[in-house]
Protein backbone atom coordinates (compact mmCIF):
# COMPACT_ATOMS: atom_id res chain seq x y z
CA MET A 1 113.35 90.80 109.02
CA ALA A 2 111.63 91.08 105.65
CA MET A 3 112.37 94.16 103.54
CA TYR A 4 108.87 95.57 103.60
CA LYS A 5 107.74 97.76 100.72
CA LEU A 6 105.01 99.46 102.81
CA VAL A 7 105.21 100.49 106.48
CA ILE A 8 101.85 101.43 108.02
CA PHE A 9 101.79 103.39 111.28
CA ASP A 10 99.13 103.90 113.86
CA TRP A 11 99.30 107.51 115.09
CA ASP A 12 98.41 108.04 118.77
CA GLY A 13 100.82 106.22 121.07
CA THR A 14 102.94 105.09 118.12
CA LEU A 15 104.26 108.27 116.48
CA MET A 16 102.69 110.87 118.80
CA ASP A 17 102.91 111.01 122.60
CA SER A 18 99.22 111.86 122.93
CA ILE A 19 97.78 109.20 125.25
CA ALA A 20 97.72 111.42 128.35
CA ARG A 21 95.93 114.16 126.41
CA ILE A 22 93.31 111.76 125.07
CA VAL A 23 92.65 110.45 128.60
CA SER A 24 92.37 113.89 130.22
CA SER A 25 90.21 115.24 127.38
CA MET A 26 87.78 112.30 127.61
CA GLN A 27 87.56 112.63 131.38
CA ALA A 28 86.93 116.39 131.11
CA ALA A 29 84.23 115.79 128.48
CA ALA A 30 82.45 113.29 130.75
CA ASP A 31 82.64 115.70 133.67
CA HIS A 32 81.25 118.55 131.55
CA CYS A 33 78.35 116.34 130.39
CA GLN A 34 77.71 115.20 133.98
CA LEU A 35 78.38 111.55 133.20
CA THR A 36 80.46 109.08 135.20
CA ILE A 37 84.12 109.93 134.60
CA PRO A 38 85.88 106.91 133.06
CA THR A 39 89.07 105.51 134.56
CA VAL A 40 92.47 106.07 132.96
CA LYS A 41 92.62 102.39 132.03
CA GLY A 42 89.10 102.53 130.61
CA VAL A 43 90.01 105.38 128.27
CA LYS A 44 93.33 103.81 127.29
CA ASP A 45 91.58 100.61 126.27
CA ILE A 46 89.40 102.42 123.69
CA ILE A 47 92.24 104.41 122.11
CA GLY A 48 92.51 103.46 118.45
CA LEU A 49 88.81 102.77 118.02
CA SER A 50 86.55 105.16 116.13
CA LEU A 51 85.11 107.81 118.46
CA PRO A 52 81.47 106.62 118.20
CA LYS A 53 82.52 103.05 119.02
CA ALA A 54 84.73 104.28 121.88
CA LEU A 55 81.89 106.31 123.40
CA ASP A 56 79.51 103.32 123.19
CA ILE A 57 81.99 101.29 125.23
CA LEU A 58 82.82 104.00 127.78
CA PHE A 59 79.27 105.28 128.26
CA PRO A 60 76.94 102.35 127.53
CA GLY A 61 73.90 104.00 129.14
CA ALA A 62 74.25 107.37 127.42
CA SER A 63 71.36 108.67 125.34
CA GLN A 64 71.79 109.83 121.75
CA SER A 65 71.79 113.48 122.85
CA GLN A 66 74.35 112.77 125.58
CA THR A 67 76.58 110.94 123.09
CA THR A 68 76.35 113.87 120.66
CA ALA A 69 77.27 116.30 123.45
CA LEU A 70 80.16 114.07 124.53
CA LEU A 71 81.48 113.90 120.99
CA GLU A 72 81.50 117.67 120.63
CA GLN A 73 82.91 118.26 124.08
CA TYR A 74 85.71 115.71 123.60
CA LYS A 75 86.74 117.34 120.33
CA PHE A 76 86.70 120.78 121.99
CA GLN A 77 88.78 119.53 124.94
CA TYR A 78 91.35 117.79 122.73
CA VAL A 79 91.81 120.71 120.34
CA GLU A 80 91.36 123.75 122.59
CA GLY A 81 90.42 123.00 126.18
CA ASP A 82 93.23 120.67 127.25
CA ASN A 83 96.83 121.86 127.36
CA THR A 84 98.43 118.46 128.09
CA PRO A 85 101.45 118.29 125.73
CA ALA A 86 101.14 115.88 122.77
CA PRO A 87 104.45 116.02 120.87
CA LEU A 88 105.81 113.53 118.40
CA PHE A 89 107.87 110.87 120.13
CA GLU A 90 111.60 111.41 120.13
CA ASP A 91 113.15 109.95 116.96
CA ALA A 92 109.82 109.90 115.05
CA LEU A 93 110.98 112.42 112.45
CA SER A 94 114.36 110.75 111.95
CA LEU A 95 112.66 107.35 111.53
CA LEU A 96 110.20 108.67 108.93
CA LYS A 97 112.99 110.42 107.03
CA ALA A 98 115.19 107.31 107.05
CA LEU A 99 112.37 105.11 105.77
CA LYS A 100 111.47 107.56 103.02
CA ASP A 101 115.15 107.92 102.05
CA ASN A 102 115.22 104.14 101.68
CA ASN A 103 112.27 104.26 99.23
CA ARG A 104 109.71 102.71 101.55
CA LEU A 105 106.05 103.56 101.08
CA LEU A 106 104.60 105.00 104.30
CA ALA A 107 100.97 105.14 105.42
CA VAL A 108 98.86 105.91 108.49
CA ALA A 109 95.89 103.88 109.78
CA THR A 110 94.39 105.75 112.71
CA GLY A 111 91.39 105.94 115.01
CA LYS A 112 91.42 109.70 114.48
CA GLY A 113 88.90 111.29 112.17
CA ARG A 114 90.19 112.95 108.99
CA ASP A 115 89.95 116.45 110.50
CA GLY A 116 92.00 115.33 113.49
CA LEU A 117 94.69 113.68 111.39
CA GLN A 118 94.99 116.68 109.08
CA ARG A 119 95.33 118.93 112.13
CA VAL A 120 98.23 116.93 113.59
CA PHE A 121 99.82 116.51 110.15
CA SER A 122 99.81 120.30 109.91
CA ALA A 123 101.04 120.85 113.48
CA THR A 124 103.93 118.40 113.07
CA GLN A 125 104.70 119.12 109.39
CA THR A 126 104.72 115.39 108.62
CA GLU A 127 102.11 114.88 105.89
CA HIS A 128 104.74 114.83 103.14
CA PHE A 129 106.23 111.62 104.53
CA PHE A 130 103.07 109.59 103.87
CA HIS A 131 101.84 108.20 100.59
CA ALA A 132 98.34 107.40 101.93
CA SER A 133 96.27 107.43 105.10
CA ARG A 134 93.01 106.01 106.43
CA CYS A 135 90.95 107.46 109.28
CA ALA A 136 88.16 106.15 111.48
CA ASP A 137 85.49 108.13 109.60
CA GLU A 138 86.56 106.65 106.24
CA ALA A 139 86.44 102.93 107.06
CA LEU A 140 85.11 100.47 109.60
CA SER A 141 86.68 100.93 113.03
CA LYS A 142 89.69 98.91 114.11
CA PRO A 143 90.06 95.99 114.56
CA ASP A 144 88.19 95.46 111.28
CA PRO A 145 90.84 95.11 108.52
CA GLN A 146 89.08 97.45 106.04
CA MET A 147 91.51 100.35 106.64
CA LEU A 148 94.52 98.18 105.84
CA LEU A 149 92.97 96.38 102.90
CA SER A 150 92.03 99.70 101.26
CA LEU A 151 95.56 101.04 101.79
CA LEU A 152 97.01 97.92 100.13
CA ALA A 153 94.64 98.37 97.19
CA GLU A 154 95.41 102.08 96.79
CA LEU A 155 99.17 101.56 96.87
CA SER A 156 99.17 98.27 94.86
CA VAL A 157 100.96 96.34 97.62
CA GLU A 158 100.47 92.69 98.54
CA PRO A 159 99.79 91.83 102.22
CA GLU A 160 103.15 90.08 102.58
CA GLN A 161 104.95 93.25 101.43
CA ALA A 162 103.51 95.35 104.27
CA VAL A 163 103.95 95.70 108.03
CA MET A 164 101.72 97.44 110.60
CA ILE A 165 103.25 99.31 113.56
CA GLY A 166 101.00 99.96 116.56
CA ASP A 167 100.75 100.24 120.33
CA THR A 168 97.36 98.60 120.97
CA ASN A 169 95.61 95.27 120.70
CA HIS A 170 93.27 96.92 118.14
CA ASP A 171 96.24 97.56 115.80
CA MET A 172 97.55 94.02 116.19
CA GLN A 173 94.12 92.42 115.65
CA MET A 174 93.49 94.57 112.58
CA ALA A 175 96.80 93.56 110.99
CA GLN A 176 96.24 89.91 111.88
CA ALA A 177 92.80 90.01 110.21
CA ALA A 178 94.32 91.62 107.09
CA GLY A 179 97.08 89.00 106.84
CA ILE A 180 99.77 91.64 107.41
CA ASP A 181 102.87 91.27 109.59
CA ARG A 182 102.82 93.46 112.68
CA ILE A 183 105.26 95.02 115.11
CA GLY A 184 104.08 96.13 118.53
CA ILE A 185 105.54 99.19 120.24
CA THR A 186 105.32 99.80 124.00
CA LEU A 187 105.40 103.63 123.93
CA GLY A 188 101.62 103.99 124.11
CA VAL A 189 98.74 101.97 125.57
CA HIS A 190 99.48 98.26 125.80
CA ASP A 191 102.42 96.38 127.23
CA ARG A 192 104.57 93.65 125.72
CA GLU A 193 102.46 90.84 127.18
CA ILE A 194 99.23 92.08 125.55
CA LEU A 195 100.90 92.90 122.21
CA ASN A 196 102.61 89.49 122.08
CA HIS A 197 99.20 87.81 122.22
CA TYR A 198 98.70 88.67 118.52
CA GLN A 199 101.88 86.98 117.21
CA PRO A 200 103.77 90.12 116.14
CA ILE A 201 107.12 89.54 114.46
CA ALA A 202 108.61 91.77 117.17
CA VAL A 203 107.73 94.12 120.03
CA VAL A 204 109.98 97.17 120.44
CA ASP A 205 110.36 99.73 123.20
CA SER A 206 111.51 102.70 121.11
CA LEU A 207 111.45 104.14 117.60
CA ILE A 208 115.24 103.75 117.41
CA GLU A 209 114.80 100.02 118.02
CA LEU A 210 112.09 99.97 115.34
CA GLN A 211 114.40 101.71 112.86
CA GLN A 212 117.11 99.13 113.52
CA LEU A 213 114.59 96.39 112.73
CA LEU A 214 113.20 97.96 109.57
CA LEU A 215 116.49 99.34 108.22
CA PRO A 216 119.26 96.97 109.28
CA VAL A 217 122.75 98.32 108.73
CA VAL A 218 124.47 96.58 105.82
CA GLU A 219 128.09 95.67 106.63
CA HIS A 220 130.51 96.17 103.74
């Protein structure tokens, strides 16, 4: 395992256990707007994409006014209307602290908008761990590599010095397109078989396992 200078995390399904809330909020938004309610799998498959791109996929026949209403209703449901818990995964804080204590640069590349990321940063008190972040309203949607390439440029890191951690095919494709190593994690949307399709250097089932990969114990 290379000693990466920069570790880039996806957010939903990677650091935060928020998949169920995203699914229920999207389904409630569709119901409110009197559109066909998408399946659980359908919603899971768009997690990580920018919201406009996700809505185009889930509701291909929706008019512009329906899409605008969906967007507003989804945001309302996720922030206020839905009480499905969305905590950080167990061991997320200890992993971030250990990486920072070992002088790694940390970043986030997320399908959330900037308002959404700032809200969860505030709720979880985690913003201080990260040196940079990119959101879906600041770059082209995953799997386009723009988010990652701009993070590399901002932090003056070469592609081979970075690794992307994510739970979806969108994360793996994005890293592959940017020429960055990737590690899949099975806590969120996609399983080992799907993640392995994008030649990750590893697929892990927990953040403890990820920490053991990124910070191997040195025997004296």
